[in-house]
Amino acid sequence: MVRRTARFAAFPHVMSKVCSITGSRVTRGSVIHRRGMAKKKGGVGRHVTKNVPRVFSPNLHQHRVWVPELKKFVRIRVTARGLKTINKNGAYSALKKAGIIA
């Protein structure tokens, strides 16, 4: 039996943020806090005061894509770049290359 913690109680089945076509996922980075005025504006220069970790999420969308070869819709979680790939290469070949359809 899987024990649910309070943190996941609100999200019983959270999906990972991964594109079905491109495989792009969440990456980690940081926000750089700066203070001061730039030298070219007449100041002493900008100084870094803090580095705050943050998460960069992919631009994911839940989509129903019509596949004419299968004569049915396929539900996928795809980024904007993945949609462009589907438009360029065709739904069937893009989904087949990604391993979504056999």
C-alpha atoms as a PDB file:
ATOM      1  CA  MET A   1       0.000   0.000   0.000  1.00  0.00           C
ATOM      2  CA  VAL A   2       1.268   3.456  -0.950  1.00  0.00           C
ATOM      3  CA  ARG A   3       1.192   5.961   1.893  1.00  0.00           C
ATOM      4  CA  ARG A   4       0.034   9.420   0.816  1.00  0.00           C
ATOM      5  CA  THR A   5       1.590  12.386   2.553  1.00  0.00           C
ATOM      6  CA  ALA A   6      -0.246  15.645   3.175  1.00  0.00           C
ATOM      7  CA  ARG A   7       1.821  17.334   0.494  1.00  0.00           C
ATOM      8  CA  PHE A   8       0.405  15.114  -2.275  1.00  0.00           C
ATOM      9  CA  ALA A   9      -3.149  14.905  -0.911  1.00  0.00           C
ATOM     10  CA  ALA A  10      -4.343  17.739  -3.156  1.00  0.00           C
ATOM     11  CA  PHE A  11      -2.756  16.142  -6.261  1.00  0.00           C
ATOM     12  CA  PRO A  12      -3.636  12.433  -6.280  1.00  0.00           C
ATOM     13  CA  HIS A  13      -2.111  11.762  -9.717  1.00  0.00           C
ATOM     14  CA  VAL A  14       0.432  14.409 -10.634  1.00  0.00           C
ATOM     15  CA  MET A  15       2.046  13.881 -14.034  1.00  0.00           C
ATOM     16  CA  SER A  16       5.675  14.663 -14.738  1.00  0.00           C
ATOM     17  CA  LYS A  17       6.349  17.796 -16.786  1.00  0.00           C
ATOM     18  CA  VAL A  18       7.896  16.092 -19.828  1.00  0.00           C
ATOM     19  CA  CYS A  19       7.083  16.648 -23.507  1.00  0.00           C
ATOM     20  CA  SER A  20       5.961  13.498 -25.326  1.00  0.00           C
ATOM     21  CA  ILE A  21       7.667  14.506 -28.586  1.00  0.00           C
ATOM     22  CA  THR A  22      10.851  16.411 -27.718  1.00  0.00           C
ATOM     23  CA  GLY A  23      11.447  14.969 -24.237  1.00  0.00           C
ATOM     24  CA  SER A  24      12.160  18.430 -22.795  1.00  0.00           C
ATOM     25  CA  ARG A  25      11.626  18.571 -19.041  1.00  0.00           C
ATOM     26  CA  VAL A  26      11.901  20.878 -16.031  1.00  0.00           C
ATOM     27  CA  THR A  27      15.339  22.449 -15.591  1.00  0.00           C
ATOM     28  CA  ARG A  28      16.825  24.239 -12.616  1.00  0.00           C
ATOM     29  CA  GLY A  29      18.425  27.645 -12.650  1.00  0.00           C
ATOM     30  CA  SER A  30      18.597  30.770 -10.538  1.00  0.00           C
ATOM     31  CA  VAL A  31      17.336  34.331 -10.364  1.00  0.00           C
ATOM     32  CA  ILE A  32      20.165  36.813  -9.852  1.00  0.00           C
ATOM     33  CA  HIS A  33      19.270  39.784  -7.647  1.00  0.00           C
ATOM     34  CA  ARG A  34      21.251  42.906  -8.445  1.00  0.00           C
ATOM     35  CA  ARG A  35      21.446  46.404  -7.016  1.00  0.00           C
ATOM     36  CA  GLY A  36      23.077  49.647  -8.024  1.00  0.00           C
ATOM     37  CA  MET A  37      23.063  51.749 -11.183  1.00  0.00           C
ATOM     38  CA  ALA A  38      24.890  50.752 -14.367  1.00  0.00           C
ATOM     39  CA  LYS A  39      28.194  52.496 -15.107  1.00  0.00           C
ATOM     40  CA  LYS A  40      26.991  53.795 -18.466  1.00  0.00           C
ATOM     41  CA  LYS A  41      24.097  55.503 -16.650  1.00  0.00           C
ATOM     42  CA  GLY A  42      26.512  57.278 -14.331  1.00  0.00           C
ATOM     43  CA  GLY A  43      26.501  54.811 -11.434  1.00  0.00           C
ATOM     44  CA  VAL A  44      29.216  52.808  -9.721  1.00  0.00           C
ATOM     45  CA  GLY A  45      28.114  49.564 -11.361  1.00  0.00           C
ATOM     46  CA  ARG A  46      25.730  46.690 -10.712  1.00  0.00           C
ATOM     47  CA  HIS A  47      26.422  44.284  -7.847  1.00  0.00           C
ATOM     48  CA  VAL A  48      25.008  40.799  -7.328  1.00  0.00           C
ATOM     49  CA  THR A  49      23.393  40.561  -3.900  1.00  0.00           C
ATOM     50  CA  LYS A  50      21.683  37.172  -4.011  1.00  0.00           C
ATOM     51  CA  ASN A  51      21.263  33.997  -6.089  1.00  0.00           C
ATOM     52  CA  VAL A  52      17.814  32.430  -5.650  1.00  0.00           C
ATOM     53  CA  PRO A  53      17.192  28.934  -7.052  1.00  0.00           C
ATOM     54  CA  ARG A  54      14.181  28.535  -9.327  1.00  0.00           C
ATOM     55  CA  VAL A  55      12.618  26.075 -11.757  1.00  0.00           C
ATOM     56  CA  PHE A  56      12.174  26.580 -15.519  1.00  0.00           C
ATOM     57  CA  SER A  57       9.087  24.671 -16.705  1.00  0.00           C
ATOM     58  CA  PRO A  58       8.544  23.624 -20.320  1.00  0.00           C
ATOM     59  CA  ASN A  59       5.665  25.219 -22.261  1.00  0.00           C
ATOM     60  CA  LEU A  60       3.418  22.132 -22.005  1.00  0.00           C
ATOM     61  CA  HIS A  61      -0.095  21.703 -23.399  1.00  0.00           C
ATOM     62  CA  GLN A  62      -2.523  18.793 -23.291  1.00  0.00           C
ATOM     63  CA  HIS A  63      -3.510  18.111 -26.914  1.00  0.00           C
ATOM     64  CA  ARG A  64      -5.690  15.769 -28.920  1.00  0.00           C
ATOM     65  CA  VAL A  65      -3.879  15.143 -32.198  1.00  0.00           C
ATOM     66  CA  TRP A  66      -5.742  13.582 -35.139  1.00  0.00           C
ATOM     67  CA  VAL A  67      -3.745  10.754 -36.723  1.00  0.00           C
ATOM     68  CA  PRO A  68      -5.220  10.059 -40.199  1.00  0.00           C
ATOM     69  CA  GLU A  69      -3.337   6.736 -40.611  1.00  0.00           C
ATOM     70  CA  LEU A  70      -4.965   5.348 -37.448  1.00  0.00           C
ATOM     71  CA  LYS A  71      -8.266   7.234 -38.000  1.00  0.00           C
ATOM     72  CA  LYS A  72      -8.365   8.335 -34.357  1.00  0.00           C
ATOM     73  CA  PHE A  73      -7.305  11.045 -31.918  1.00  0.00           C
ATOM     74  CA  VAL A  74      -4.272  10.570 -29.664  1.00  0.00           C
ATOM     75  CA  ARG A  75      -3.972  12.514 -26.402  1.00  0.00           C
ATOM     76  CA  ILE A  76      -0.457  13.807 -25.739  1.00  0.00           C
ATOM     77  CA  ARG A  77       1.281  16.271 -23.472  1.00  0.00           C
ATOM     78  CA  VAL A  78       3.394  18.364 -25.797  1.00  0.00           C
ATOM     79  CA  THR A  79       5.418  21.595 -25.841  1.00  0.00           C
ATOM     80  CA  ALA A  80       5.001  24.361 -28.411  1.00  0.00           C
ATOM     81  CA  ARG A  81       8.163  23.141 -30.168  1.00  0.00           C
ATOM     82  CA  GLY A  82       6.742  19.611 -30.215  1.00  0.00           C
ATOM     83  CA  LEU A  83       3.599  20.920 -31.928  1.00  0.00           C
ATOM     84  CA  LYS A  84       5.773  22.561 -34.585  1.00  0.00           C
ATOM     85  CA  THR A  85       7.540  19.226 -35.070  1.00  0.00           C
ATOM     86  CA  ILE A  86       4.175  17.474 -35.520  1.00  0.00           C
ATOM     87  CA  ASN A  87       3.087  20.114 -38.049  1.00  0.00           C
ATOM     88  CA  LYS A  88       6.333  19.759 -39.989  1.00  0.00           C
ATOM     89  CA  ASN A  89       6.804  15.966 -40.027  1.00  0.00           C
ATOM     90  CA  GLY A  90       3.176  14.851 -39.761  1.00  0.00           C
ATOM     91  CA  ALA A  91       1.390  13.385 -36.762  1.00  0.00           C
ATOM     92  CA  TYR A  92       1.986   9.709 -37.498  1.00  0.00           C
ATOM     93  CA  SER A  93       5.744   9.922 -38.155  1.00  0.00           C
ATOM     94  CA  ALA A  94       6.382  12.275 -35.213  1.00  0.00           C
ATOM     95  CA  LEU A  95       4.426  10.095 -32.748  1.00  0.00           C
ATOM     96  CA  LYS A  96       6.022   6.916 -34.118  1.00  0.00           C
ATOM     97  CA  LYS A  97       9.544   8.344 -33.765  1.00  0.00           C
ATOM     98  CA  ALA A  98       8.745   9.394 -30.180  1.00  0.00           C
ATOM     99  CA  GLY A  99       7.513   5.853 -29.430  1.00  0.00           C
ATOM    100  CA  ILE A 100       3.965   6.898 -28.494  1.00  0.00           C
ATOM    101  CA  ILE A 101       2.313   4.722 -31.134  1.00  0.00           C
ATOM    102  CA  ALA A 102       3.581   1.353 -32.339  1.00  0.00           C
END
